[in-house]
Amino acid sequence: IEGCSAPRYETTALHAGCVELYVMQGAKIKYSSIENWSKNVFNLNTKRANVYRDGVIEWLNGNMGSQTTMLYPASVLIGENSRSESLGIAFAGSGQNQDTGTKVIHLGKNTSSIIKSKSISSGGGICSYRGLVKVHTLAENAKSHVECDSLILDEKSCANAYPSMDIKRTDSIISHEAKIGKISEEEIFYLTSRGISEEKAKQIIVGGFVNPIIKRLPLEYAVELNKLIDLNLEKNL
């Protein structure tokens, strides 16, 4: 479990982190990371896992702060029956650019991967999903599923999706779906008509949007991430 944050300094700062994981035969690693950098930090992060036979890697990422984040955790599925699952949440408020995603390289036989990405843009923030799924010529019966969901909270904000797939085998099963939407006026009206303020209504809707990923975090980190999202919403709504 990793938690990253930084106080606000008068000058622009840089965080260039590196994480390398080795998941040996039959092992499993669940790597949870919540990052809440100051808004004058450029966060350039490199994370990679080499996964061997019957190994499993689970990435859980929450990105709230920084002026600009570029983070694409990579899973290299080397061994037979190795598996990768990546779940990520990004929030971009005023003056923020969250450029995040996942890379998976299928090398071994019968490998599988799941990528689920959710982003929230508010106050003029920019969220981008940038991912890669690559299936090597030796990766028989590879399976991969990618989901990208983006929520835009106002007219000033932006969400982008840049999925990339390089598939070298015809027996691969690959699927991808992407959705970008806004909070509907009907949802807001329904909640406000029951005595809930508009701001609280948006927080409830956003909470439901990110809940499938938050519930996978350890309890103390799930509570912290919920609070961080609520604080960012208060600043940017």
C-alpha atoms as a PDB file:
ATOM      1  CA  ILE A   1       0.000   0.000   0.000  1.00  0.00           C
ATOM      2  CA  GLU A   2       1.423   3.358  -1.046  1.00  0.00           C
ATOM      3  CA  GLY A   3       0.272   6.867  -0.132  1.00  0.00           C
ATOM      4  CA  CYS A   4       1.825   9.949  -1.743  1.00  0.00           C
ATOM      5  CA  SER A   5       1.216  13.595  -0.893  1.00  0.00           C
ATOM      6  CA  ALA A   6       3.164  16.844  -0.718  1.00  0.00           C
ATOM      7  CA  PRO A   7       2.747  20.288   0.881  1.00  0.00           C
ATOM      8  CA  ARG A   8       2.509  23.298  -1.386  1.00  0.00           C
ATOM      9  CA  TYR A   9       5.834  24.986  -2.061  1.00  0.00           C
ATOM     10  CA  GLU A  10       6.334  28.394  -3.671  1.00  0.00           C
ATOM     11  CA  THR A  11       8.172  26.891  -6.640  1.00  0.00           C
ATOM     12  CA  THR A  12       7.148  24.208  -9.100  1.00  0.00           C
ATOM     13  CA  ALA A  13       8.211  20.709  -8.041  1.00  0.00           C
ATOM     14  CA  LEU A  14       8.775  17.372  -9.763  1.00  0.00           C
ATOM     15  CA  HIS A  15       8.052  13.854  -8.548  1.00  0.00           C
ATOM     16  CA  ALA A  16       9.654  11.140 -10.708  1.00  0.00           C
ATOM     17  CA  GLY A  17       8.832   7.824  -9.060  1.00  0.00           C
ATOM     18  CA  CYS A  18       9.632   4.257 -10.065  1.00  0.00           C
ATOM     19  CA  VAL A  19       8.072   0.994  -8.867  1.00  0.00           C
ATOM     20  CA  GLU A  20       9.074  -2.453 -10.133  1.00  0.00           C
ATOM     21  CA  LEU A  21       7.319  -5.628  -8.990  1.00  0.00           C
ATOM     22  CA  TYR A  22       8.167  -9.277  -9.614  1.00  0.00           C
ATOM     23  CA  VAL A  23       5.261 -11.704  -9.219  1.00  0.00           C
ATOM     24  CA  MET A  24       6.832 -15.152  -9.139  1.00  0.00           C
ATOM     25  CA  GLN A  25       5.162 -18.493  -9.889  1.00  0.00           C
ATOM     26  CA  GLY A  26       1.794 -18.852  -8.155  1.00  0.00           C
ATOM     27  CA  ALA A  27       2.185 -15.562  -6.245  1.00  0.00           C
ATOM     28  CA  LYS A  28      -0.230 -12.614  -6.025  1.00  0.00           C
ATOM     29  CA  ILE A  29       0.452  -8.938  -5.387  1.00  0.00           C
ATOM     30  CA  LYS A  30      -2.222  -6.321  -4.744  1.00  0.00           C
ATOM     31  CA  TYR A  31      -0.641  -2.881  -5.095  1.00  0.00           C
ATOM     32  CA  SER A  32      -2.819   0.000  -3.826  1.00  0.00           C
ATOM     33  CA  SER A  33      -1.707   3.594  -4.355  1.00  0.00           C
ATOM     34  CA  ILE A  34      -3.454   6.875  -3.438  1.00  0.00           C
ATOM     35  CA  GLU A  35      -1.699  10.032  -4.695  1.00  0.00           C
ATOM     36  CA  ASN A  36      -2.686  13.531  -3.605  1.00  0.00           C
ATOM     37  CA  TRP A  37       0.117  15.845  -4.641  1.00  0.00           C
ATOM     38  CA  SER A  38       0.114  19.626  -4.338  1.00  0.00           C
ATOM     39  CA  LYS A  39      -1.140  21.418  -7.463  1.00  0.00           C
ATOM     40  CA  ASN A  40       2.313  22.784  -8.319  1.00  0.00           C
ATOM     41  CA  VAL A  41       3.815  19.262  -8.624  1.00  0.00           C
ATOM     42  CA  PHE A  42       4.495  17.511 -11.927  1.00  0.00           C
ATOM     43  CA  ASN A  43       3.968  13.822 -11.164  1.00  0.00           C
ATOM     44  CA  LEU A  44       5.760  11.556 -13.662  1.00  0.00           C
ATOM     45  CA  ASN A  45       5.501   7.969 -12.443  1.00  0.00           C
ATOM     46  CA  THR A  46       6.776   4.659 -13.812  1.00  0.00           C
ATOM     47  CA  LYS A  47       5.321   1.393 -12.502  1.00  0.00           C
ATOM     48  CA  ARG A  48       5.838  -2.094 -13.890  1.00  0.00           C
ATOM     49  CA  ALA A  49       5.143  -5.687 -12.849  1.00  0.00           C
ATOM     50  CA  ASN A  50       6.696  -8.809 -14.382  1.00  0.00           C
ATOM     51  CA  VAL A  51       4.262 -11.675 -13.830  1.00  0.00           C
ATOM     52  CA  TYR A  52       5.304 -15.309 -14.116  1.00  0.00           C
ATOM     53  CA  ARG A  53       3.395 -18.625 -14.366  1.00  0.00           C
ATOM     54  CA  ASP A  54       0.036 -18.582 -12.494  1.00  0.00           C
ATOM     55  CA  GLY A  55       0.907 -15.198 -10.966  1.00  0.00           C
ATOM     56  CA  VAL A  56      -1.586 -12.383 -10.388  1.00  0.00           C
ATOM     57  CA  ILE A  57      -1.018  -8.622 -10.169  1.00  0.00           C
ATOM     58  CA  GLU A  58      -3.755  -6.202  -9.073  1.00  0.00           C
ATOM     59  CA  TRP A  59      -3.186  -2.462  -9.499  1.00  0.00           C
ATOM     60  CA  LEU A  60      -5.457  -0.068  -7.561  1.00  0.00           C
ATOM     61  CA  ASN A  61      -4.717   3.595  -8.279  1.00  0.00           C
ATOM     62  CA  GLY A  62      -6.289   6.844  -7.084  1.00  0.00           C
ATOM     63  CA  ASN A  63      -4.945  10.117  -8.497  1.00  0.00           C
ATOM     64  CA  MET A  64      -6.293  13.356  -7.020  1.00  0.00           C
ATOM     65  CA  GLY A  65      -3.636  16.049  -6.890  1.00  0.00           C
ATOM     66  CA  SER A  66      -0.730  17.460  -8.941  1.00  0.00           C
ATOM     67  CA  GLN A  67      -0.741  19.973 -11.770  1.00  0.00           C
ATOM     68  CA  THR A  68       0.031  17.228 -14.290  1.00  0.00           C
ATOM     69  CA  THR A  69       0.158  13.462 -13.766  1.00  0.00           C
ATOM     70  CA  MET A  70       1.439  10.918 -16.277  1.00  0.00           C
ATOM     71  CA  LEU A  71       1.013   7.386 -14.917  1.00  0.00           C
ATOM     72  CA  TYR A  72       0.534   4.118 -16.835  1.00  0.00           C
ATOM     73  CA  PRO A  73       1.176   1.030 -14.652  1.00  0.00           C
ATOM     74  CA  ALA A  74       2.418  -1.783 -16.907  1.00  0.00           C
ATOM     75  CA  SER A  75       1.914  -5.537 -16.512  1.00  0.00           C
ATOM     76  CA  VAL A  76       4.164  -7.880 -18.480  1.00  0.00           C
ATOM     77  CA  LEU A  77       2.426 -11.279 -18.469  1.00  0.00           C
ATOM     78  CA  ILE A  78       5.395 -13.550 -19.047  1.00  0.00           C
ATOM     79  CA  GLY A  79       4.266 -16.879 -17.624  1.00  0.00           C
ATOM     80  CA  GLU A  80       1.472 -19.219 -18.652  1.00  0.00           C
ATOM     81  CA  ASN A  81      -1.902 -18.489 -16.991  1.00  0.00           C
ATOM     82  CA  SER A  82      -0.639 -15.192 -15.545  1.00  0.00           C
ATOM     83  CA  ARG A  83      -3.215 -12.484 -14.940  1.00  0.00           C
ATOM     84  CA  SER A  84      -3.448  -8.707 -14.484  1.00  0.00           C
ATOM     85  CA  GLU A  85      -6.251  -6.516 -13.159  1.00  0.00           C
ATOM     86  CA  SER A  86      -6.011  -2.732 -13.070  1.00  0.00           C
ATOM     87  CA  LEU A  87      -8.555  -0.416 -11.432  1.00  0.00           C
ATOM     88  CA  GLY A  88      -7.993   3.338 -11.487  1.00  0.00           C
ATOM     89  CA  ILE A  89      -9.694   6.596 -10.474  1.00  0.00           C
ATOM     90  CA  ALA A  90      -8.524  10.054 -11.534  1.00  0.00           C
ATOM     91  CA  PHE A  91      -9.954  13.443 -10.532  1.00  0.00           C
ATOM     92  CA  ALA A  92      -8.988  16.640 -12.367  1.00  0.00           C
ATOM     93  CA  GLY A  93     -10.067  20.013 -11.018  1.00  0.00           C
ATOM     94  CA  SER A  94      -9.184  23.564 -11.988  1.00  0.00           C
ATOM     95  CA  GLY A  95      -5.710  23.780 -13.559  1.00  0.00           C
ATOM     96  CA  GLN A  96      -5.143  20.016 -13.455  1.00  0.00           C
ATOM     97  CA  ASN A  97      -4.291  17.533 -16.197  1.00  0.00           C
ATOM     98  CA  GLN A  98      -4.579  13.839 -15.267  1.00  0.00           C
ATOM     99  CA  ASP A  99      -3.102  11.692 -18.044  1.00  0.00           C
ATOM    100  CA  THR A 100      -3.371   8.133 -16.751  1.00  0.00           C
ATOM    101  CA  GLY A 101      -3.964   4.610 -17.995  1.00  0.00           C
ATOM    102  CA  THR A 102      -2.587   1.063 -18.068  1.00  0.00           C
ATOM    103  CA  LYS A 103      -0.335  -1.039 -20.266  1.00  0.00           C
ATOM    104  CA  VAL A 104      -0.567  -4.828 -20.534  1.00  0.00           C
ATOM    105  CA  ILE A 105       1.782  -6.973 -22.606  1.00  0.00           C
ATOM    106  CA  HIS A 106       0.676 -10.584 -23.140  1.00  0.00           C
ATOM    107  CA  LEU A 107       3.636 -12.900 -23.734  1.00  0.00           C
ATOM    108  CA  GLY A 108       2.668 -16.243 -22.152  1.00  0.00           C
ATOM    109  CA  LYS A 109      -0.067 -18.727 -23.060  1.00  0.00           C
ATOM    110  CA  ASN A 110      -3.592 -18.373 -21.623  1.00  0.00           C
ATOM    111  CA  THR A 111      -2.914 -14.959 -20.093  1.00  0.00           C
ATOM    112  CA  SER A 112      -5.730 -12.568 -19.199  1.00  0.00           C
ATOM    113  CA  SER A 113      -6.151  -8.925 -18.223  1.00  0.00           C
ATOM    114  CA  ILE A 114      -8.882  -6.568 -17.055  1.00  0.00           C
ATOM    115  CA  ILE A 115      -8.572  -2.775 -17.157  1.00  0.00           C
ATOM    116  CA  LYS A 116     -11.180  -0.516 -15.570  1.00  0.00           C
ATOM    117  CA  SER A 117     -10.629   3.236 -15.533  1.00  0.00           C
ATOM    118  CA  LYS A 118     -12.899   5.939 -14.140  1.00  0.00           C
ATOM    119  CA  SER A 119     -12.269   9.679 -14.290  1.00  0.00           C
ATOM    120  CA  ILE A 120     -14.007  12.831 -13.075  1.00  0.00           C
ATOM    121  CA  SER A 121     -13.412  16.267 -14.617  1.00  0.00           C
ATOM    122  CA  SER A 122     -14.598  19.456 -12.918  1.00  0.00           C
ATOM    123  CA  GLY A 123     -13.760  23.157 -12.832  1.00  0.00           C
ATOM    124  CA  GLY A 124     -11.975  23.081 -16.190  1.00  0.00           C
ATOM    125  CA  GLY A 125      -9.846  20.012 -15.416  1.00  0.00           C
ATOM    126  CA  ILE A 126      -8.668  17.540 -18.071  1.00  0.00           C
ATOM    127  CA  CYS A 127      -8.722  13.752 -17.644  1.00  0.00           C
ATOM    128  CA  SER A 128      -7.281  11.434 -20.282  1.00  0.00           C
ATOM    129  CA  TYR A 129      -7.173   7.651 -20.451  1.00  0.00           C
ATOM    130  CA  ARG A 130      -4.113   6.424 -22.373  1.00  0.00           C
ATOM    131  CA  GLY A 131      -3.713   2.653 -22.510  1.00  0.00           C
ATOM    132  CA  LEU A 132      -2.057  -0.175 -24.405  1.00  0.00           C
ATOM    133  CA  VAL A 133      -2.977  -3.848 -24.806  1.00  0.00           C
ATOM    134  CA  LYS A 134      -0.358  -5.827 -26.737  1.00  0.00           C
ATOM    135  CA  VAL A 135      -0.634  -9.526 -27.578  1.00  0.00           C
ATOM    136  CA  HIS A 136       2.616 -11.187 -28.737  1.00  0.00           C
ATOM    137  CA  THR A 137       2.682 -13.862 -31.438  1.00  0.00           C
ATOM    138  CA  LEU A 138       3.465 -16.527 -28.777  1.00  0.00           C
ATOM    139  CA  ALA A 139       0.551 -15.543 -26.471  1.00  0.00           C
ATOM    140  CA  GLU A 140      -1.987 -18.245 -27.313  1.00  0.00           C
ATOM    141  CA  ASN A 141      -5.586 -17.727 -26.158  1.00  0.00           C
ATOM    142  CA  ALA A 142      -4.987 -14.282 -24.634  1.00  0.00           C
ATOM    143  CA  LYS A 143      -7.994 -12.482 -23.173  1.00  0.00           C
ATOM    144  CA  SER A 144      -8.350  -8.781 -22.341  1.00  0.00           C
ATOM    145  CA  HIS A 145     -11.239  -6.484 -21.424  1.00  0.00           C
ATOM    146  CA  VAL A 146     -10.960  -2.692 -21.173  1.00  0.00           C
ATOM    147  CA  GLU A 147     -13.535  -0.270 -19.716  1.00  0.00           C
ATOM    148  CA  CYS A 148     -13.098   3.526 -19.674  1.00  0.00           C
ATOM    149  CA  ASP A 149     -15.792   5.636 -17.994  1.00  0.00           C
ATOM    150  CA  SER A 150     -15.539   9.419 -17.729  1.00  0.00           C
ATOM    151  CA  LEU A 151     -17.813  11.870 -15.938  1.00  0.00           C
ATOM    152  CA  ILE A 152     -17.769  15.585 -16.851  1.00  0.00           C
ATOM    153  CA  LEU A 153     -19.313  17.927 -14.283  1.00  0.00           C
ATOM    154  CA  ASP A 154     -19.401  21.223 -16.209  1.00  0.00           C
ATOM    155  CA  GLU A 155     -18.986  22.850 -19.622  1.00  0.00           C
ATOM    156  CA  LYS A 156     -15.366  23.896 -19.003  1.00  0.00           C
ATOM    157  CA  SER A 157     -13.974  20.421 -18.296  1.00  0.00           C
ATOM    158  CA  CYS A 158     -12.696  17.790 -20.697  1.00  0.00           C
ATOM    159  CA  ALA A 159     -12.291  14.000 -20.912  1.00  0.00           C
ATOM    160  CA  ASN A 160     -10.317  12.066 -23.534  1.00  0.00           C
ATOM    161  CA  ALA A 161      -9.700   8.390 -24.301  1.00  0.00           C
ATOM    162  CA  TYR A 162      -6.685   7.114 -26.264  1.00  0.00           C
ATOM    163  CA  PRO A 163      -6.868   3.306 -26.252  1.00  0.00           C
ATOM    164  CA  SER A 164      -4.279   1.393 -28.266  1.00  0.00           C
ATOM    165  CA  MET A 165      -4.358  -2.323 -29.125  1.00  0.00           C
ATOM    166  CA  ASP A 166      -1.671  -4.309 -30.927  1.00  0.00           C
ATOM    167  CA  ILE A 167      -2.954  -7.863 -31.428  1.00  0.00           C
ATOM    168  CA  LYS A 168      -0.744 -10.421 -33.222  1.00  0.00           C
ATOM    169  CA  ARG A 169      -2.962 -13.518 -32.842  1.00  0.00           C
ATOM    170  CA  THR A 170      -6.384 -14.398 -34.234  1.00  0.00           C
ATOM    171  CA  ASP A 171      -7.314 -16.629 -31.272  1.00  0.00           C
ATOM    172  CA  SER A 172      -7.248 -13.666 -28.870  1.00  0.00           C
ATOM    173  CA  ILE A 173     -10.452 -12.422 -27.229  1.00  0.00           C
ATOM    174  CA  ILE A 174     -10.236  -8.654 -26.847  1.00  0.00           C
ATOM    175  CA  SER A 175     -13.008  -6.210 -25.918  1.00  0.00           C
ATOM    176  CA  HIS A 176     -13.110  -2.489 -25.241  1.00  0.00           C
ATOM    177  CA  GLU A 177     -15.832  -0.091 -24.190  1.00  0.00           C
ATOM    178  CA  ALA A 178     -15.692   3.620 -23.398  1.00  0.00           C
ATOM    179  CA  LYS A 179     -18.330   5.992 -22.036  1.00  0.00           C
ATOM    180  CA  ILE A 180     -18.153   9.728 -21.501  1.00  0.00           C
ATOM    181  CA  GLY A 181     -21.118  11.533 -19.996  1.00  0.00           C
ATOM    182  CA  LYS A 182     -22.421  14.319 -17.812  1.00  0.00           C
ATOM    183  CA  ILE A 183     -24.601  14.343 -14.722  1.00  0.00           C
ATOM    184  CA  SER A 184     -28.152  14.561 -16.007  1.00  0.00           C
ATOM    185  CA  GLU A 185     -30.529  17.307 -14.927  1.00  0.00           C
ATOM    186  CA  GLU A 186     -33.123  14.610 -14.144  1.00  0.00           C
ATOM    187  CA  GLU A 187     -30.837  13.011 -11.548  1.00  0.00           C
ATOM    188  CA  ILE A 188     -30.156  16.375  -9.907  1.00  0.00           C
ATOM    189  CA  PHE A 189     -33.859  17.266  -9.913  1.00  0.00           C
ATOM    190  CA  TYR A 190     -34.810  13.906  -8.378  1.00  0.00           C
ATOM    191  CA  LEU A 191     -32.421  14.358  -5.447  1.00  0.00           C
ATOM    192  CA  THR A 192     -33.037  18.083  -4.865  1.00  0.00           C
ATOM    193  CA  SER A 193     -36.813  17.489  -4.869  1.00  0.00           C
ATOM    194  CA  ARG A 194     -36.229  15.321  -1.810  1.00  0.00           C
ATOM    195  CA  GLY A 195     -34.568  18.056   0.209  1.00  0.00           C
ATOM    196  CA  ILE A 196     -30.939  17.416  -0.818  1.00  0.00           C
ATOM    197  CA  SER A 197     -28.842  20.411  -1.878  1.00  0.00           C
ATOM    198  CA  GLU A 198     -27.541  20.501  -5.452  1.00  0.00           C
ATOM    199  CA  GLU A 199     -23.918  20.255  -4.274  1.00  0.00           C
ATOM    200  CA  LYS A 200     -24.685  17.241  -2.079  1.00  0.00           C
ATOM    201  CA  ALA A 201     -26.665  15.666  -4.926  1.00  0.00           C
ATOM    202  CA  LYS A 202     -23.623  15.855  -7.200  1.00  0.00           C
ATOM    203  CA  GLN A 203     -21.460  14.321  -4.471  1.00  0.00           C
ATOM    204  CA  ILE A 204     -23.905  11.420  -4.149  1.00  0.00           C
ATOM    205  CA  ILE A 205     -23.926  10.810  -7.912  1.00  0.00           C
ATOM    206  CA  VAL A 206     -20.127  10.950  -8.124  1.00  0.00           C
ATOM    207  CA  GLY A 207     -19.899   8.600  -5.120  1.00  0.00           C
ATOM    208  CA  GLY A 208     -22.051   6.044  -6.928  1.00  0.00           C
ATOM    209  CA  PHE A 209     -19.935   6.455 -10.072  1.00  0.00           C
ATOM    210  CA  VAL A 210     -16.627   5.608  -8.338  1.00  0.00           C
ATOM    211  CA  ASN A 211     -17.988   3.101  -5.806  1.00  0.00           C
ATOM    212  CA  PRO A 212     -17.159  -0.073  -7.823  1.00  0.00           C
ATOM    213  CA  ILE A 213     -13.465   0.786  -7.544  1.00  0.00           C
ATOM    214  CA  ILE A 214     -13.425   2.348  -4.070  1.00  0.00           C
ATOM    215  CA  LYS A 215     -14.973  -0.755  -2.496  1.00  0.00           C
ATOM    216  CA  ARG A 216     -11.936  -2.749  -3.678  1.00  0.00           C
ATOM    217  CA  LEU A 217      -9.572  -0.629  -1.581  1.00  0.00           C
ATOM    218  CA  PRO A 218      -8.622  -1.429   2.019  1.00  0.00           C
ATOM    219  CA  LEU A 219     -11.169   0.225   4.329  1.00  0.00           C
ATOM    220  CA  GLU A 220      -8.954   3.046   5.630  1.00  0.00           C
ATOM    221  CA  TYR A 221      -7.875   3.966   2.096  1.00  0.00           C
ATOM    222  CA  ALA A 222     -11.447   3.823   0.798  1.00  0.00           C
ATOM    223  CA  VAL A 223     -12.517   6.296   3.510  1.00  0.00           C
ATOM    224  CA  GLU A 224      -9.577   8.583   2.712  1.00  0.00           C
ATOM    225  CA  LEU A 225     -10.231   8.519  -1.028  1.00  0.00           C
ATOM    226  CA  ASN A 226     -13.926   9.305  -0.536  1.00  0.00           C
ATOM    227  CA  LYS A 227     -12.981  12.311   1.610  1.00  0.00           C
ATOM    228  CA  LEU A 228     -10.453  13.510  -0.967  1.00  0.00           C
ATOM    229  CA  ILE A 229     -13.052  13.301  -3.747  1.00  0.00           C
ATOM    230  CA  ASP A 230     -15.590  15.227  -1.648  1.00  0.00           C
ATOM    231  CA  LEU A 231     -12.991  17.934  -0.837  1.00  0.00           C
ATOM    232  CA  ASN A 232     -12.060  18.297  -4.511  1.00  0.00           C
ATOM    233  CA  LEU A 233     -15.718  18.526  -5.489  1.00  0.00           C
ATOM    234  CA  GLU A 234     -16.318  21.301  -2.935  1.00  0.00           C
ATOM    235  CA  LYS A 235     -13.436  23.292  -4.444  1.00  0.00           C
ATOM    236  CA  ASN A 236     -14.447  22.806  -8.079  1.00  0.00           C
ATOM    237  CA  LEU A 237     -18.263  22.730  -8.212  1.00  0.00           C
END
